[in-house]
N, C-alpha and C. Protein backbone atom coordinates (compact mmCIF):
# COMPACT_ATOMS: atom_id res chain seq x y z
N MET A 1 22.14 33.76 10.72
CA MET A 1 22.80 32.51 10.48
C MET A 1 22.25 31.85 9.23
N ALA A 2 23.09 31.43 8.35
CA ALA A 2 22.65 30.81 7.10
C ALA A 2 22.37 29.33 7.31
N LYS A 3 21.34 28.87 6.67
CA LYS A 3 21.01 27.45 6.73
C LYS A 3 21.82 26.69 5.69
N LYS A 4 22.19 25.50 6.04
CA LYS A 4 22.90 24.66 5.08
C LYS A 4 21.89 24.05 4.12
N ASN A 5 22.26 23.94 2.88
CA ASN A 5 21.41 23.28 1.90
C ASN A 5 21.71 21.79 1.92
N THR A 6 20.95 21.07 2.73
CA THR A 6 21.15 19.63 2.80
C THR A 6 20.21 18.96 1.83
N PRO A 7 20.71 18.01 1.06
CA PRO A 7 19.84 17.34 0.10
C PRO A 7 18.79 16.49 0.80
N LYS A 8 17.63 16.38 0.18
CA LYS A 8 16.57 15.54 0.72
C LYS A 8 16.97 14.08 0.60
N LYS A 9 16.45 13.28 1.51
CA LYS A 9 16.70 11.85 1.43
C LYS A 9 15.99 11.30 0.20
N SER A 10 16.70 10.54 -0.56
CA SER A 10 16.07 9.97 -1.75
C SER A 10 15.44 8.63 -1.40
N ARG A 11 14.37 8.34 -2.08
CA ARG A 11 13.68 7.07 -1.87
C ARG A 11 14.47 5.95 -2.49
N SER A 12 14.25 4.77 -2.03
CA SER A 12 14.95 3.61 -2.57
C SER A 12 14.63 3.43 -4.05
N LYS A 13 15.63 3.17 -4.83
CA LYS A 13 15.41 2.97 -6.26
C LYS A 13 14.82 1.59 -6.55
N THR A 14 15.05 0.65 -5.67
CA THR A 14 14.49 -0.69 -5.84
C THR A 14 13.32 -0.84 -4.90
N GLN A 15 12.15 -1.03 -5.44
CA GLN A 15 10.96 -1.22 -4.62
C GLN A 15 10.93 -2.65 -4.12
N SER A 16 10.35 -2.84 -2.94
CA SER A 16 10.28 -4.19 -2.41
C SER A 16 9.07 -4.94 -2.97
N SER A 17 8.14 -4.23 -3.57
CA SER A 17 6.96 -4.86 -4.13
C SER A 17 6.57 -4.17 -5.43
N LYS A 18 5.92 -4.93 -6.28
CA LYS A 18 5.42 -4.32 -7.51
C LYS A 18 4.02 -3.74 -7.32
N TYR A 19 3.44 -3.91 -6.14
CA TYR A 19 2.09 -3.43 -5.86
C TYR A 19 2.11 -2.18 -4.98
N ARG A 20 1.14 -1.32 -5.20
CA ARG A 20 0.99 -0.10 -4.41
C ARG A 20 0.59 -0.46 -2.98
N GLY A 21 1.22 0.18 -2.00
CA GLY A 21 0.87 0.00 -0.59
C GLY A 21 1.39 -1.26 0.03
N VAL A 22 2.26 -2.00 -0.66
CA VAL A 22 2.77 -3.28 -0.17
C VAL A 22 4.29 -3.21 -0.06
N SER A 23 4.82 -3.73 1.05
CA SER A 23 6.27 -3.78 1.22
C SER A 23 6.63 -5.01 2.04
N ARG A 24 7.92 -5.30 2.05
CA ARG A 24 8.44 -6.44 2.80
C ARG A 24 8.64 -6.02 4.25
N CYS A 25 8.21 -6.83 5.19
CA CYS A 25 8.39 -6.55 6.61
C CYS A 25 9.80 -6.95 7.01
N SER A 26 10.54 -6.03 7.61
CA SER A 26 11.92 -6.32 7.97
C SER A 26 12.03 -7.27 9.16
N LYS A 27 10.95 -7.36 9.95
CA LYS A 27 10.96 -8.24 11.12
C LYS A 27 11.04 -9.71 10.75
N ASP A 28 10.09 -10.13 9.92
CA ASP A 28 9.97 -11.56 9.64
C ASP A 28 9.93 -11.91 8.16
N GLY A 29 10.05 -10.93 7.29
CA GLY A 29 10.09 -11.22 5.86
C GLY A 29 8.73 -11.38 5.21
N ARG A 30 7.65 -11.28 5.99
CA ARG A 30 6.32 -11.36 5.38
C ARG A 30 6.00 -10.04 4.69
N TRP A 31 4.89 -10.02 3.96
CA TRP A 31 4.47 -8.82 3.24
C TRP A 31 3.51 -8.03 4.10
N GLN A 32 3.63 -6.70 4.09
CA GLN A 32 2.73 -5.86 4.86
C GLN A 32 2.05 -4.85 3.95
N ALA A 33 0.84 -4.48 4.34
CA ALA A 33 0.07 -3.51 3.57
C ALA A 33 -0.22 -2.29 4.43
N ARG A 34 -0.10 -1.12 3.82
CA ARG A 34 -0.40 0.15 4.48
C ARG A 34 -1.10 1.05 3.48
N ILE A 35 -1.91 1.98 4.00
CA ILE A 35 -2.59 2.93 3.13
C ILE A 35 -2.52 4.31 3.75
N ARG A 36 -2.34 5.29 2.92
CA ARG A 36 -2.30 6.69 3.41
C ARG A 36 -3.71 7.27 3.32
N ILE A 37 -4.15 7.84 4.44
CA ILE A 37 -5.45 8.49 4.52
C ILE A 37 -5.19 9.91 5.01
N GLY A 38 -5.23 10.85 4.09
CA GLY A 38 -4.84 12.22 4.44
C GLY A 38 -3.37 12.26 4.77
N SER A 39 -3.05 12.70 5.97
CA SER A 39 -1.64 12.77 6.37
C SER A 39 -1.22 11.61 7.26
N THR A 40 -2.15 10.70 7.54
CA THR A 40 -1.82 9.56 8.39
C THR A 40 -1.68 8.29 7.55
N VAL A 41 -0.90 7.35 8.08
CA VAL A 41 -0.71 6.07 7.42
C VAL A 41 -1.37 5.01 8.28
N LYS A 42 -2.27 4.23 7.69
CA LYS A 42 -2.97 3.17 8.42
C LYS A 42 -2.34 1.83 8.08
N TYR A 43 -1.92 1.11 9.09
CA TYR A 43 -1.33 -0.22 8.93
C TYR A 43 -2.46 -1.22 8.73
N LEU A 44 -2.39 -2.02 7.67
CA LEU A 44 -3.46 -2.96 7.35
C LEU A 44 -3.16 -4.40 7.77
N GLY A 45 -1.88 -4.72 7.99
CA GLY A 45 -1.53 -6.05 8.46
C GLY A 45 -0.40 -6.67 7.68
N ARG A 46 0.03 -7.86 8.17
CA ARG A 46 1.08 -8.64 7.50
C ARG A 46 0.45 -9.88 6.89
N PHE A 47 0.99 -10.27 5.74
CA PHE A 47 0.42 -11.37 4.97
C PHE A 47 1.51 -12.32 4.48
N ARG A 48 1.12 -13.56 4.20
CA ARG A 48 2.08 -14.55 3.72
C ARG A 48 2.54 -14.26 2.29
N THR A 49 1.63 -13.77 1.45
CA THR A 49 1.99 -13.53 0.06
C THR A 49 1.81 -12.06 -0.30
N GLU A 50 2.55 -11.64 -1.30
CA GLU A 50 2.48 -10.27 -1.80
C GLU A 50 1.09 -9.98 -2.37
N LEU A 51 0.51 -10.97 -3.02
CA LEU A 51 -0.81 -10.82 -3.63
C LEU A 51 -1.91 -10.58 -2.58
N GLU A 52 -1.85 -11.32 -1.47
CA GLU A 52 -2.84 -11.12 -0.40
C GLU A 52 -2.76 -9.70 0.16
N ALA A 53 -1.54 -9.20 0.33
CA ALA A 53 -1.37 -7.83 0.83
C ALA A 53 -1.91 -6.81 -0.16
N ALA A 54 -1.70 -7.05 -1.45
CA ALA A 54 -2.20 -6.13 -2.48
C ALA A 54 -3.72 -6.14 -2.52
N GLU A 55 -4.33 -7.30 -2.34
CA GLU A 55 -5.79 -7.38 -2.30
C GLU A 55 -6.34 -6.62 -1.10
N CYS A 56 -5.69 -6.75 0.04
CA CYS A 56 -6.13 -6.04 1.24
C CYS A 56 -6.02 -4.53 1.02
N TYR A 57 -4.95 -4.09 0.39
CA TYR A 57 -4.79 -2.66 0.09
C TYR A 57 -5.94 -2.17 -0.79
N ASP A 58 -6.29 -2.95 -1.82
CA ASP A 58 -7.36 -2.53 -2.73
C ASP A 58 -8.70 -2.40 -2.02
N VAL A 59 -9.00 -3.34 -1.14
CA VAL A 59 -10.26 -3.27 -0.38
C VAL A 59 -10.28 -2.00 0.47
N ALA A 60 -9.17 -1.72 1.15
CA ALA A 60 -9.09 -0.52 1.98
C ALA A 60 -9.15 0.74 1.12
N ALA A 61 -8.52 0.71 -0.05
CA ALA A 61 -8.53 1.88 -0.93
C ALA A 61 -9.95 2.23 -1.35
N TYR A 62 -10.75 1.22 -1.69
CA TYR A 62 -12.15 1.48 -2.06
C TYR A 62 -12.96 1.95 -0.86
N GLN A 63 -12.68 1.42 0.33
CA GLN A 63 -13.42 1.83 1.53
C GLN A 63 -13.12 3.27 1.90
N TYR A 64 -11.85 3.66 1.86
CA TYR A 64 -11.46 4.99 2.31
C TYR A 64 -11.53 6.06 1.23
N HIS A 65 -11.24 5.70 -0.02
CA HIS A 65 -11.16 6.69 -1.08
C HIS A 65 -12.28 6.61 -2.11
N GLY A 66 -13.07 5.56 -2.08
CA GLY A 66 -14.21 5.43 -2.99
C GLY A 66 -13.81 5.49 -4.46
N ALA A 67 -14.45 6.36 -5.22
CA ALA A 67 -14.22 6.45 -6.66
C ALA A 67 -12.82 6.99 -6.98
N ARG A 68 -12.18 7.67 -6.01
CA ARG A 68 -10.84 8.21 -6.24
C ARG A 68 -9.73 7.19 -5.97
N ALA A 69 -10.10 5.99 -5.59
CA ALA A 69 -9.11 4.96 -5.24
C ALA A 69 -8.22 4.63 -6.43
N MET A 70 -6.95 4.35 -6.13
CA MET A 70 -5.99 3.92 -7.15
C MET A 70 -5.59 2.48 -6.82
N PRO A 71 -6.39 1.51 -7.25
CA PRO A 71 -6.15 0.12 -6.87
C PRO A 71 -5.00 -0.52 -7.66
N ASN A 72 -4.56 -1.65 -7.16
CA ASN A 72 -3.53 -2.45 -7.84
C ASN A 72 -4.12 -3.22 -9.01
N PHE A 73 -5.37 -3.63 -8.87
CA PHE A 73 -6.04 -4.43 -9.88
C PHE A 73 -7.13 -3.59 -10.53
N THR A 74 -7.32 -3.77 -11.83
CA THR A 74 -8.20 -2.88 -12.58
C THR A 74 -9.68 -3.10 -12.33
N SER A 75 -10.08 -4.30 -11.99
CA SER A 75 -11.51 -4.53 -11.80
C SER A 75 -11.77 -5.37 -10.55
N ALA A 76 -12.97 -5.28 -10.05
CA ALA A 76 -13.36 -6.05 -8.86
C ALA A 76 -13.40 -7.54 -9.16
N VAL A 77 -13.49 -7.92 -10.43
CA VAL A 77 -13.51 -9.32 -10.81
C VAL A 77 -12.19 -9.99 -10.45
N ASP A 78 -11.09 -9.21 -10.49
CA ASP A 78 -9.76 -9.73 -10.16
C ASP A 78 -9.62 -10.06 -8.69
N ILE A 79 -10.43 -9.44 -7.84
CA ILE A 79 -10.31 -9.60 -6.40
C ILE A 79 -11.59 -10.18 -5.82
N PRO A 80 -11.58 -11.41 -5.36
CA PRO A 80 -12.81 -12.01 -4.80
C PRO A 80 -13.33 -11.25 -3.59
N SER A 81 -12.46 -10.71 -2.74
CA SER A 81 -12.92 -10.05 -1.52
C SER A 81 -13.62 -8.73 -1.79
N LEU A 82 -13.49 -8.16 -2.99
CA LEU A 82 -14.19 -6.91 -3.30
C LEU A 82 -15.67 -7.12 -3.54
N SER A 83 -16.10 -8.37 -3.75
CA SER A 83 -17.52 -8.63 -3.95
C SER A 83 -18.30 -8.30 -2.68
N ILE A 84 -17.62 -8.26 -1.55
CA ILE A 84 -18.26 -7.90 -0.27
C ILE A 84 -18.73 -6.45 -0.32
N LEU A 85 -17.94 -5.58 -0.96
CA LEU A 85 -18.27 -4.16 -1.01
C LEU A 85 -19.36 -3.83 -2.00
N ALA A 86 -19.58 -4.69 -2.97
CA ALA A 86 -20.56 -4.41 -4.04
C ALA A 86 -21.98 -4.56 -3.55
């Protein structure tokens, strides 16, 4: 039996956030942060502002990925909560 060549689902062309790991929550419209660790996705929480969610993602990125982290902000000076990790 031949398999049908079904096209892969394409990702949305319009992102809900300009920050990595941040999206709009469909439930209540708040911003949520998630991070991928290996093959699993860890939910970090919902936030009032997009910036708070991006900061939370960056803290988690440094905790889980260390030097390989790909943060939203270039330096720890941009994020007050990263001073905890230093």
